[in-house]
């Protein structure tokens, strides 16, 4: 499994996000390649990122139907 996390600079959710992902993987006994990326507004637009943080699992948005967050 590949998990990619994208966030804007100064995203206040970074530490909690990292903790939650590690906890969920550990509790479920799942191995994953997890990466964290800080992106600029322009990079976010190019990647189709609508909010910060955005989580993609195996290339798909985890919360596709969610409302856009702040970038």
Protein backbone atom coordinates (compact mmCIF):
# COMPACT_ATOMS: atom_id res chain seq x y z
CA UNK A 1 0.00 0.00 0.00
CA UNK A 2 1.22 3.49 -0.84
CA UNK A 3 -0.01 6.45 1.20
CA UNK A 4 0.84 9.99 0.11
CA UNK A 5 0.02 12.98 2.28
CA UNK A 6 0.05 16.46 0.78
CA UNK A 7 -0.16 19.62 2.84
CA UNK A 8 0.42 23.33 2.51
CA UNK A 9 3.25 25.05 4.35
CA UNK A 10 2.28 25.67 7.92
CA UNK A 11 -0.53 23.11 7.89
CA UNK A 12 -1.45 22.71 11.54
CA UNK A 13 -2.63 19.13 11.00
CA UNK A 14 0.77 17.64 10.11
CA UNK A 15 1.71 16.14 13.49
CA UNK A 16 -1.78 14.81 14.24
CA UNK A 17 -2.06 13.37 10.72
CA UNK A 18 1.25 11.54 11.08
CA UNK A 19 0.24 10.19 14.49
CA UNK A 20 -3.18 9.04 13.24
CA UNK A 21 -1.74 7.27 10.20
CA UNK A 22 0.92 5.48 12.25
CA UNK A 23 -1.67 4.44 14.84
CA UNK A 24 -4.14 3.15 12.24
CA UNK A 25 -1.48 1.15 10.40
CA UNK A 26 -0.20 -0.33 13.65
CA UNK A 27 -3.67 -1.24 14.95
CA UNK A 28 -4.61 -2.90 11.66
CA UNK A 29 -1.25 -4.61 11.21
CA UNK A 30 -0.86 -3.06 7.76
CA UNK A 31 2.45 -2.28 6.07
CA UNK A 32 2.52 0.86 3.93
CA UNK A 33 4.96 3.16 2.20
CA UNK A 34 3.96 6.53 3.69
CA UNK A 35 5.28 9.82 2.34
CA UNK A 36 4.61 13.42 3.37
CA UNK A 37 4.89 16.31 0.93
CA UNK A 38 4.68 20.05 1.52
CA UNK A 39 3.30 21.70 -1.61
CA UNK A 40 2.85 25.27 -2.77
CA UNK A 41 -0.51 26.53 -3.99
CA UNK A 42 0.61 26.13 -7.63
CA UNK A 43 1.84 22.57 -7.03
CA UNK A 44 -1.43 21.71 -5.31
CA UNK A 45 -3.40 22.97 -8.30
CA UNK A 46 -1.23 20.93 -10.70
CA UNK A 47 -1.72 17.80 -8.59
CA UNK A 48 -5.47 18.34 -8.21
CA UNK A 49 -5.20 18.80 -4.46
CA UNK A 50 -8.25 20.58 -3.10
CA UNK A 51 -7.41 20.89 0.57
CA UNK A 52 -4.72 20.53 3.18
CA UNK A 53 -4.04 17.90 4.17
CA UNK A 54 -4.95 15.60 1.30
CA UNK A 55 -4.34 11.87 1.66
CA UNK A 56 -4.02 9.57 -1.34
CA UNK A 57 -4.00 5.80 -0.98
CA UNK A 58 -2.62 3.98 -3.99
CA UNK A 59 -3.14 7.17 -6.01
CA UNK A 60 -6.79 7.76 -5.04
CA UNK A 61 -8.01 10.54 -2.78
CA UNK A 62 -9.01 9.08 0.58
CA UNK A 63 -11.86 11.59 0.96
CA UNK A 64 -12.94 12.16 -2.65
CA UNK A 65 -16.37 13.42 -1.70
CA UNK A 66 -15.16 15.72 1.06
CA UNK A 67 -15.42 19.44 0.95
CA UNK A 68 -12.30 21.38 -0.04
CA UNK A 69 -10.10 22.64 2.78
CA UNK A 70 -7.82 25.61 2.94
CA UNK A 71 -4.62 25.66 0.93
